[in-house]
C-alpha atoms as a PDB file:
ATOM      1  CA  MET A   1     -33.193   6.410 -11.840  1.00  0.00           C
ATOM      2  CA  THR A   2     -29.459   6.113 -12.621  1.00  0.00           C
ATOM      3  CA  ALA A   3     -27.546   3.481 -10.770  1.00  0.00           C
ATOM      4  CA  SER A   4     -24.711   4.870  -8.575  1.00  0.00           C
ATOM      5  CA  VAL A   5     -21.147   4.432  -9.865  1.00  0.00           C
ATOM      6  CA  LYS A   6     -18.824   2.417  -7.557  1.00  0.00           C
ATOM      7  CA  PRO A   7     -16.159   4.799  -6.173  1.00  0.00           C
ATOM      8  CA  THR A   8     -13.429   2.175  -6.523  1.00  0.00           C
ATOM      9  CA  ARG A   9     -12.636  -0.257  -9.236  1.00  0.00           C
ATOM     10  CA  LEU A  10     -10.944  -3.628  -8.875  1.00  0.00           C
ATOM     11  CA  GLU A  11      -9.561  -5.309 -11.914  1.00  0.00           C
ATOM     12  CA  ARG A  12      -7.510  -8.480 -12.317  1.00  0.00           C
ATOM     13  CA  SER A  13      -5.288  -9.480 -15.230  1.00  0.00           C
ATOM     14  CA  SER A  14      -2.357 -11.746 -15.972  1.00  0.00           C
ATOM     15  CA  THR A  15       1.203 -11.066 -16.915  1.00  0.00           C
ATOM     16  CA  ASP A  16       2.760 -12.666 -20.055  1.00  0.00           C
ATOM     17  CA  ALA A  17       4.144 -15.291 -17.683  1.00  0.00           C
ATOM     18  CA  GLY A  18       0.647 -16.058 -16.246  1.00  0.00           C
ATOM     19  CA  ALA A  19       0.879 -14.300 -12.869  1.00  0.00           C
ATOM     20  CA  GLU A  20      -2.266 -12.574 -11.597  1.00  0.00           C
ATOM     21  CA  VAL A  21      -2.057  -8.869 -10.997  1.00  0.00           C
ATOM     22  CA  ALA A  22      -4.727  -6.824  -9.283  1.00  0.00           C
ATOM     23  CA  VAL A  23      -5.273  -3.145  -9.792  1.00  0.00           C
ATOM     24  CA  LEU A  24      -7.404  -1.190  -7.345  1.00  0.00           C
ATOM     25  CA  THR A  25      -8.311   2.284  -8.588  1.00  0.00           C
ATOM     26  CA  PHE A  26      -9.833   5.075  -6.678  1.00  0.00           C
ATOM     27  CA  ALA A  27     -12.452   6.718  -8.963  1.00  0.00           C
ATOM     28  CA  ASN A  28     -14.627   8.977  -6.928  1.00  0.00           C
ATOM     29  CA  GLY A  29     -14.680  12.139  -8.976  1.00  0.00           C
ATOM     30  CA  ASP A  30     -11.938  14.616  -9.639  1.00  0.00           C
ATOM     31  CA  LEU A  31     -11.050  14.974  -5.928  1.00  0.00           C
ATOM     32  CA  ASN A  32     -11.366  11.213  -5.002  1.00  0.00           C
ATOM     33  CA  LEU A  33     -12.760  12.173  -1.582  1.00  0.00           C
ATOM     34  CA  PHE A  34     -12.824   9.491   1.082  1.00  0.00           C
ATOM     35  CA  ASP A  35     -16.492   9.658   1.870  1.00  0.00           C
ATOM     36  CA  GLN A  36     -18.474   6.756   3.431  1.00  0.00           C
ATOM     37  CA  ALA A  37     -19.244   5.233   0.030  1.00  0.00           C
ATOM     38  CA  MET A  38     -15.461   5.265  -0.755  1.00  0.00           C
ATOM     39  CA  PHE A  39     -14.510   3.634   2.487  1.00  0.00           C
ATOM     40  CA  ASP A  40     -17.274   0.995   2.058  1.00  0.00           C
ATOM     41  CA  SER A  41     -16.276   0.235  -1.487  1.00  0.00           C
ATOM     42  CA  LEU A  42     -12.524   0.028  -0.579  1.00  0.00           C
ATOM     43  CA  THR A  43     -13.430  -2.299   2.382  1.00  0.00           C
ATOM     44  CA  ALA A  44     -15.343  -4.598   0.046  1.00  0.00           C
ATOM     45  CA  ASP A  45     -12.508  -4.754  -2.408  1.00  0.00           C
ATOM     46  CA  LEU A  46      -9.907  -5.471   0.269  1.00  0.00           C
ATOM     47  CA  ALA A  47     -12.182  -8.278   1.691  1.00  0.00           C
ATOM     48  CA  GLU A  48     -12.225  -9.861  -1.762  1.00  0.00           C
ATOM     49  CA  LEU A  49      -8.400  -9.436  -2.179  1.00  0.00           C
ATOM     50  CA  THR A  50      -7.866 -11.077   1.245  1.00  0.00           C
ATOM     51  CA  SER A  51     -10.059 -13.993   0.320  1.00  0.00           C
ATOM     52  CA  ARG A  52      -8.390 -14.372  -3.061  1.00  0.00           C
ATOM     53  CA  PRO A  53      -5.015 -12.657  -3.160  1.00  0.00           C
ATOM     54  CA  PRO A  54      -3.311 -11.841  -6.424  1.00  0.00           C
ATOM     55  CA  ARG A  55       0.492 -12.270  -6.814  1.00  0.00           C
ATOM     56  CA  ALA A  56       0.843  -8.478  -6.711  1.00  0.00           C
ATOM     57  CA  LEU A  57      -1.400  -5.419  -6.131  1.00  0.00           C
ATOM     58  CA  LEU A  58      -1.312  -1.856  -7.495  1.00  0.00           C
ATOM     59  CA  LEU A  59      -3.219   0.900  -5.812  1.00  0.00           C
ATOM     60  CA  ARG A  60      -3.801   3.999  -8.001  1.00  0.00           C
ATOM     61  CA  SER A  61      -6.261   6.788  -8.683  1.00  0.00           C
ATOM     62  CA  GLU A  62      -7.780   8.410 -11.732  1.00  0.00           C
ATOM     63  CA  GLY A  63      -8.759  12.038 -11.907  1.00  0.00           C
ATOM     64  CA  ARG A  64      -6.993  15.257 -11.401  1.00  0.00           C
ATOM     65  CA  VAL A  65      -5.591  14.357  -7.937  1.00  0.00           C
ATOM     66  CA  VAL A  66      -4.927  11.050  -6.093  1.00  0.00           C
ATOM     67  CA  SER A  67      -7.170  12.373  -3.324  1.00  0.00           C
ATOM     68  CA  GLY A  68      -8.240  15.543  -1.662  1.00  0.00           C
ATOM     69  CA  GLY A  69      -8.585  13.681   1.548  1.00  0.00           C
ATOM     70  CA  VAL A  70     -11.495  12.650   3.772  1.00  0.00           C
ATOM     71  CA  ASP A  71     -14.872  14.180   3.369  1.00  0.00           C
ATOM     72  CA  VAL A  72     -15.101  16.190   6.589  1.00  0.00           C
ATOM     73  CA  HIS A  73     -18.856  15.506   6.833  1.00  0.00           C
ATOM     74  CA  LEU A  74     -17.857  12.088   8.294  1.00  0.00           C
ATOM     75  CA  PHE A  75     -16.536  13.738  11.433  1.00  0.00           C
ATOM     76  CA  ASP A  76     -19.406  16.087  12.036  1.00  0.00           C
ATOM     77  CA  GLY A  77     -21.163  15.394  15.335  1.00  0.00           C
ATOM     78  CA  LEU A  78     -19.134  12.220  16.270  1.00  0.00           C
ATOM     79  CA  SER A  79     -18.939  11.370  19.981  1.00  0.00           C
ATOM     80  CA  THR A  80     -15.710  10.177  21.528  1.00  0.00           C
ATOM     81  CA  GLU A  81     -16.998   6.638  21.346  1.00  0.00           C
ATOM     82  CA  GLN A  82     -17.942   6.921  17.792  1.00  0.00           C
ATOM     83  CA  GLY A  83     -14.662   8.489  16.777  1.00  0.00           C
ATOM     84  CA  THR A  84     -12.741   5.666  18.475  1.00  0.00           C
ATOM     85  CA  GLU A  85     -14.936   3.102  16.722  1.00  0.00           C
ATOM     86  CA  LEU A  86     -14.352   4.832  13.387  1.00  0.00           C
ATOM     87  CA  TRP A  87     -10.587   4.547  13.753  1.00  0.00           C
ATOM     88  CA  GLN A  88     -10.695   0.964  14.978  1.00  0.00           C
ATOM     89  CA  THR A  89     -12.810  -0.028  11.962  1.00  0.00           C
ATOM     90  CA  LEU A  90     -10.501   1.797   9.481  1.00  0.00           C
ATOM     91  CA  PHE A  91      -7.362   0.004  10.846  1.00  0.00           C
ATOM     92  CA  ALA A  92      -9.085  -3.406  10.891  1.00  0.00           C
ATOM     93  CA  GLU A  93     -10.791  -3.261   7.537  1.00  0.00           C
ATOM     94  CA  ILE A  94      -8.306  -1.221   5.461  1.00  0.00           C
ATOM     95  CA  ILE A  95      -4.841  -0.505   6.941  1.00  0.00           C
ATOM     96  CA  HIS A  96      -4.164  -3.907   8.526  1.00  0.00           C
ATOM     97  CA  ARG A  97      -5.768  -5.756   5.575  1.00  0.00           C
ATOM     98  CA  ILE A  98      -3.378  -4.089   3.195  1.00  0.00           C
ATOM     99  CA  GLU A  99      -0.409  -4.891   5.251  1.00  0.00           C
ATOM    100  CA  ALA A 100      -1.483  -8.487   5.749  1.00  0.00           C
ATOM    101  CA  LEU A 101      -1.898  -9.297   2.053  1.00  0.00           C
ATOM    102  CA  PRO A 102       0.679 -12.120   1.088  1.00  0.00           C
ATOM    103  CA  CYS A 103       1.922 -10.340  -1.905  1.00  0.00           C
ATOM    104  CA  PRO A 104       3.738  -7.140  -2.834  1.00  0.00           C
ATOM    105  CA  VAL A 105       1.584  -3.998  -2.800  1.00  0.00           C
ATOM    106  CA  VAL A 106       2.608  -0.957  -4.849  1.00  0.00           C
ATOM    107  CA  TYR A 107       1.147   2.538  -4.647  1.00  0.00           C
ATOM    108  CA  ALA A 108       1.172   5.062  -7.487  1.00  0.00           C
ATOM    109  CA  ALA A 109       0.770   8.781  -6.687  1.00  0.00           C
ATOM    110  CA  HIS A 110       0.377  11.071  -9.658  1.00  0.00           C
ATOM    111  CA  GLY A 111      -0.701  14.204  -8.043  1.00  0.00           C
ATOM    112  CA  LEU A 112      -1.942  15.646  -4.743  1.00  0.00           C
ATOM    113  CA  THR A 113      -2.246  12.944  -2.090  1.00  0.00           C
ATOM    114  CA  LEU A 114      -3.832  13.959   1.188  1.00  0.00           C
ATOM    115  CA  THR A 115      -4.802  12.416   4.527  1.00  0.00           C
ATOM    116  CA  ALA A 116      -6.389   8.991   4.178  1.00  0.00           C
ATOM    117  CA  ALA A 117      -4.921   8.381   0.725  1.00  0.00           C
ATOM    118  CA  PHE A 118      -1.434   9.049   1.981  1.00  0.00           C
ATOM    119  CA  GLU A 119      -2.029   6.912   5.179  1.00  0.00           C
ATOM    120  CA  ILE A 120      -3.116   4.097   2.808  1.00  0.00           C
ATOM    121  CA  ALA A 121       0.084   4.549   0.799  1.00  0.00           C
ATOM    122  CA  LEU A 122       2.135   4.152   3.921  1.00  0.00           C
ATOM    123  CA  ALA A 123       0.591   0.794   4.520  1.00  0.00           C
ATOM    124  CA  CYS A 124       1.834  -0.358   1.130  1.00  0.00           C
ATOM    125  CA  ASP A 125       5.205  -1.890   0.395  1.00  0.00           C
ATOM    126  CA  ILE A 126       6.470   0.415  -2.261  1.00  0.00           C
ATOM    127  CA  ILE A 127       5.399   3.936  -3.074  1.00  0.00           C
ATOM    128  CA  LEU A 128       6.097   5.554  -6.559  1.00  0.00           C
ATOM    129  CA  ALA A 129       5.294   9.162  -7.355  1.00  0.00           C
ATOM    130  CA  ALA A 130       5.204  11.551 -10.285  1.00  0.00           C
ATOM    131  CA  PRO A 131       7.439  14.647 -10.032  1.00  0.00           C
ATOM    132  CA  LYS A 132       4.309  16.853  -9.551  1.00  0.00           C
ATOM    133  CA  ALA A 133       2.888  14.737  -6.680  1.00  0.00           C
ATOM    134  CA  LYS A 134       2.495  16.433  -3.359  1.00  0.00           C
ATOM    135  CA  PHE A 135       1.795  14.742  -0.022  1.00  0.00           C
ATOM    136  CA  GLY A 136       0.112  16.035   3.199  1.00  0.00           C
ATOM    137  CA  LEU A 137      -1.396  14.956   6.470  1.00  0.00           C
ATOM    138  CA  VAL A 138      -3.452  18.137   6.982  1.00  0.00           C
ATOM    139  CA  GLU A 139      -5.894  16.904   9.739  1.00  0.00           C
ATOM    140  CA  THR A 140      -4.838  19.854  11.954  1.00  0.00           C
ATOM    141  CA  VAL A 141      -7.138  22.037   9.904  1.00  0.00           C
ATOM    142  CA  VAL A 142     -10.126  20.319  11.708  1.00  0.00           C
ATOM    143  CA  GLY A 143      -8.361  19.817  14.970  1.00  0.00           C
ATOM    144  CA  LEU A 144      -7.456  16.185  14.329  1.00  0.00           C
ATOM    145  CA  THR A 145      -4.274  14.154  14.142  1.00  0.00           C
ATOM    146  CA  PRO A 146      -3.959  11.518  11.394  1.00  0.00           C
ATOM    147  CA  SER A 147      -5.426   8.366  12.875  1.00  0.00           C
ATOM    148  CA  MET A 148      -5.123   5.628  10.215  1.00  0.00           C
ATOM    149  CA  GLY A 149      -1.606   4.955  11.049  1.00  0.00           C
ATOM    150  CA  GLY A 150       0.064   7.754   9.209  1.00  0.00           C
ATOM    151  CA  PRO A 151       2.242   9.369  11.839  1.00  0.00           C
ATOM    152  CA  GLN A 152       3.831   6.122  13.096  1.00  0.00           C
ATOM    153  CA  ARG A 153       4.308   4.761   9.506  1.00  0.00           C
ATOM    154  CA  LEU A 154       5.821   7.922   8.377  1.00  0.00           C
ATOM    155  CA  ALA A 155       8.135   7.927  11.384  1.00  0.00           C
ATOM    156  CA  GLU A 156       9.268   4.408  10.455  1.00  0.00           C
ATOM    157  CA  ARG A 157      10.305   5.536   7.045  1.00  0.00           C
ATOM    158  CA  ALA A 158      11.502   9.049   7.609  1.00  0.00           C
ATOM    159  CA  GLY A 159      12.277   9.251  11.319  1.00  0.00           C
ATOM    160  CA  SER A 160      10.190  10.672  14.210  1.00  0.00           C
ATOM    161  CA  GLY A 161      11.438  14.245  13.823  1.00  0.00           C
ATOM    162  CA  ARG A 162      10.328  14.401  10.233  1.00  0.00           C
ATOM    163  CA  ALA A 163       6.896  12.802  11.108  1.00  0.00           C
ATOM    164  CA  ARG A 164       6.325  15.331  13.871  1.00  0.00           C
ATOM    165  CA  GLU A 165       7.149  18.260  11.485  1.00  0.00           C
ATOM    166  CA  PHE A 166       5.052  16.777   8.734  1.00  0.00           C
ATOM    167  CA  VAL A 167       1.952  16.239  10.887  1.00  0.00           C
ATOM    168  CA  MET A 168       2.121  19.281  13.106  1.00  0.00           C
ATOM    169  CA  THR A 169       2.816  21.863  10.287  1.00  0.00           C
ATOM    170  CA  GLY A 170       0.130  20.348   7.975  1.00  0.00           C
ATOM    171  CA  ASP A 171       2.366  21.507   5.092  1.00  0.00           C
ATOM    172  CA  LEU A 172       2.590  19.926   1.669  1.00  0.00           C
ATOM    173  CA  TYR A 173       5.716  18.164   0.637  1.00  0.00           C
ATOM    174  CA  ASP A 174       6.774  17.403  -2.983  1.00  0.00           C
ATOM    175  CA  ALA A 175       7.705  13.967  -4.387  1.00  0.00           C
ATOM    176  CA  GLU A 176      11.510  14.648  -4.495  1.00  0.00           C
ATOM    177  CA  THR A 177      11.509  15.685  -0.856  1.00  0.00           C
ATOM    178  CA  MET A 178       9.617  12.564   0.083  1.00  0.00           C
ATOM    179  CA  ARG A 179      12.004  10.527  -1.939  1.00  0.00           C
ATOM    180  CA  SER A 180      15.072  12.079  -0.149  1.00  0.00           C
ATOM    181  CA  TRP A 181      13.430  11.230   3.139  1.00  0.00           C
ATOM    182  CA  GLY A 182      12.967   7.566   2.223  1.00  0.00           C
ATOM    183  CA  VAL A 183       9.194   7.714   2.057  1.00  0.00           C
ATOM    184  CA  VAL A 184       8.783   7.535  -1.763  1.00  0.00           C
ATOM    185  CA  ASN A 185      10.873   4.816  -3.201  1.00  0.00           C
ATOM    186  CA  ALA A 186      11.204   6.440  -6.711  1.00  0.00           C
ATOM    187  CA  VAL A 187       9.954   9.292  -8.771  1.00  0.00           C
ATOM    188  CA  HIS A 188       8.917   8.711 -12.345  1.00  0.00           C
ATOM    189  CA  ASP A 189       7.640  11.057 -15.119  1.00  0.00           C
ATOM    190  CA  ASP A 190       5.137   8.393 -16.105  1.00  0.00           C
ATOM    191  CA  VAL A 191       4.365   6.980 -12.752  1.00  0.00           C
ATOM    192  CA  ASP A 192       1.374   4.859 -13.880  1.00  0.00           C
ATOM    193  CA  THR A 193       3.351   3.028 -16.523  1.00  0.00           C
ATOM    194  CA  ALA A 194       6.307   2.582 -14.111  1.00  0.00           C
ATOM    195  CA  ALA A 195       4.054   1.291 -11.316  1.00  0.00           C
ATOM    196  CA  ARG A 196       2.239  -1.110 -13.629  1.00  0.00           C
ATOM    197  CA  ALA A 197       5.599  -2.509 -14.859  1.00  0.00           C
ATOM    198  CA  LEU A 198       6.924  -2.945 -11.316  1.00  0.00           C
ATOM    199  CA  THR A 199       3.733  -4.651 -10.184  1.00  0.00           C
ATOM    200  CA  GLY A 200       3.871  -7.027 -13.026  1.00  0.00           C
ATOM    201  CA  ARG A 201       7.622  -7.758 -12.407  1.00  0.00           C
ATOM    202  CA  LEU A 202       6.871  -8.443  -8.709  1.00  0.00           C
ATOM    203  CA  ALA A 203       3.921 -10.656  -9.644  1.00  0.00           C
ATOM    204  CA  ASP A 204       6.208 -12.740 -11.773  1.00  0.00           C
ATOM    205  CA  GLY A 205       8.646 -13.249  -8.892  1.00  0.00           C
ATOM    206  CA  PRO A 206       8.725 -15.812  -5.937  1.00  0.00           C
ATOM    207  CA  THR A 207       5.482 -14.829  -4.236  1.00  0.00           C
ATOM    208  CA  ARG A 208       6.010 -16.961  -1.198  1.00  0.00           C
ATOM    209  CA  ALA A 209       9.435 -15.418  -0.656  1.00  0.00           C
ATOM    210  CA  HIS A 210       8.056 -11.983  -1.036  1.00  0.00           C
ATOM    211  CA  HIS A 211       5.464 -12.836   1.629  1.00  0.00           C
ATOM    212  CA  ALA A 212       8.293 -14.133   3.842  1.00  0.00           C
ATOM    213  CA  THR A 213      10.123 -10.823   3.397  1.00  0.00           C
ATOM    214  CA  LYS A 214       7.035  -9.034   4.515  1.00  0.00           C
ATOM    215  CA  ARG A 215       6.573 -11.203   7.594  1.00  0.00           C
ATOM    216  CA  ILE A 216      10.228 -10.628   8.663  1.00  0.00           C
ATOM    217  CA  ILE A 217      10.051  -6.923   8.238  1.00  0.00           C
ATOM    218  CA  GLU A 218       6.740  -6.860  10.133  1.00  0.00           C
ATOM    219  CA  ALA A 219       8.412  -8.776  12.994  1.00  0.00           C
ATOM    220  CA  TRP A 220      11.137  -6.105  12.994  1.00  0.00           C
ATOM    221  CA  ARG A 221       8.503  -3.373  12.961  1.00  0.00           C
ATOM    222  CA  SER A 222       6.830  -4.785  16.000  1.00  0.00           C
ATOM    223  CA  GLY A 223       9.685  -6.036  18.049  1.00  0.00           C
ATOM    224  CA  GLY A 224      13.035  -5.004  16.597  1.00  0.00           C
ATOM    225  CA  VAL A 225      15.922  -6.924  15.286  1.00  0.00           C
ATOM    226  CA  ALA A 226      16.047  -9.586  17.905  1.00  0.00           C
ATOM    227  CA  HIS A 227      12.259 -10.417  17.283  1.00  0.00           C
ATOM    228  CA  ALA A 228      12.869 -10.512  13.536  1.00  0.00           C
ATOM    229  CA  ASP A 229      15.806 -12.835  14.022  1.00  0.00           C
ATOM    230  CA  SER A 230      13.689 -15.103  16.168  1.00  0.00           C
ATOM    231  CA  VAL A 231      11.037 -15.589  13.498  1.00  0.00           C
ATOM    232  CA  THR A 232      13.396 -15.695  10.435  1.00  0.00           C
ATOM    233  CA  PRO A 233      14.580 -19.314  10.603  1.00  0.00           C
ATOM    234  CA  GLU A 234      10.986 -20.723  10.598  1.00  0.00           C
ATOM    235  CA  VAL A 235       9.615 -18.236   8.051  1.00  0.00           C
ATOM    236  CA  SER A 236      12.529 -18.623   5.645  1.00  0.00           C
ATOM    237  CA  GLY A 237      12.872 -22.283   6.419  1.00  0.00           C
ATOM    238  CA  ALA A 238       9.360 -22.917   5.183  1.00  0.00           C
ATOM    239  CA  LEU A 239      10.463 -21.768   1.711  1.00  0.00           C
ATOM    240  CA  PHE A 240      12.332 -24.962   1.182  1.00  0.00           C
ATOM    241  CA  GLY A 241       9.080 -26.702   1.008  1.00  0.00           C
ATOM    242  CA  THR A 242       7.847 -24.548  -1.869  1.00  0.00           C
ATOM    243  CA  GLU A 243       7.758 -25.504  -5.520  1.00  0.00           C
ATOM    244  CA  ASP A 244       9.234 -22.115  -6.545  1.00  0.00           C
ATOM    245  CA  LEU A 245      12.434 -22.523  -4.354  1.00  0.00           C
ATOM    246  CA  ARG A 246      13.041 -26.123  -5.430  1.00  0.00           C
ATOM    247  CA  GLY A 247      12.551 -25.211  -9.116  1.00  0.00           C
ATOM    248  CA  ALA A 248      14.628 -22.067  -8.908  1.00  0.00           C
ATOM    249  CA  VAL A 249      17.544 -23.942  -7.243  1.00  0.00           C
ATOM    250  CA  ARG A 250      17.466 -26.518  -9.974  1.00  0.00           C
ATOM    251  CA  SER A 251      17.245 -23.820 -12.644  1.00  0.00           C
ATOM    252  CA  PHE A 252      20.214 -21.997 -11.109  1.00  0.00           C
ATOM    253  CA  LEU A 253      22.369 -25.088 -11.022  1.00  0.00           C
ATOM    254  CA  GLU A 254      21.442 -26.228 -14.554  1.00  0.00           C
ATOM    255  CA  ALA A 255      21.036 -22.940 -16.518  1.00  0.00           C
ATOM    256  CA  GLY A 256      22.534 -20.217 -14.321  1.00  0.00           C
ATOM    257  CA  PRO A 257      20.904 -17.256 -12.573  1.00  0.00           C
ATOM    258  CA  GLY A 258      17.865 -15.390 -13.875  1.00  0.00           C
ATOM    259  CA  LYS A 259      16.238 -18.192 -15.840  1.00  0.00           C
ATOM    260  CA  ALA A 260      13.763 -19.478 -13.191  1.00  0.00           C
ATOM    261  CA  ARG A 261      10.036 -19.178 -13.730  1.00  0.00           C
ATOM    262  CA  TYR A 262       7.789 -18.855 -10.618  1.00  0.00           C
ATOM    263  CA  ALA A 263       4.218 -20.081 -10.101  1.00  0.00           C
ATOM    264  CA  GLY A 264       3.604 -18.602  -6.627  1.00  0.00           C
ATOM    265  CA  ARG A 265       3.565 -21.972  -4.995  1.00  0.00           C
END
């Protein structure tokens, strides 16, 4: 009997400067469908990343496409209560865990990126895409609306009118369109190489400051500018107690900008 192959792969490595980088790869066949095994595997990987965070994380896929979406078998016969529980679980164990990671999270899309895969991308900090990548939230084909946070996170990046159009039409949108909307940060011919380089660069940076940035933006997302202003003094003030800030200030004063080395502490 052949052992089943895990549908995700979590690898850790270090940059030349010694910063730990994690790469989480979706590897569930050519279509990378999000079936129960994929969700379970991703949940386990994110639990490990939460317990032992790297200094930057890259999410990527191997295969012909990023993902053909969710395996529709998951929805067959669900009751109202079971459907509600499914979405609650996916928010708690996947989307919110990604957003809560105390490090930059980069998403690389090299091809077709549908439904759950795109909703996961929208929970990441930075999205990079190849020119041939296409994105879609096509849940209307089974009478659903995207329910892992896609509509609201798309609205945050592109505006509510764009989000309504994107979800209600169920159309596919290319990488350049998504870049022009502010959803994709950049388009690269070799997106995997570009994403790995960016992830390594972010890992080498001031990790505690990056986490503070995420916390301030999260405060804005939940309560607007006034709420973000109210948390910024404490969140940013705490950085003065970090080794990285103290060392970087001394480096700036003694050697000029751009010479500091960060340890993530």
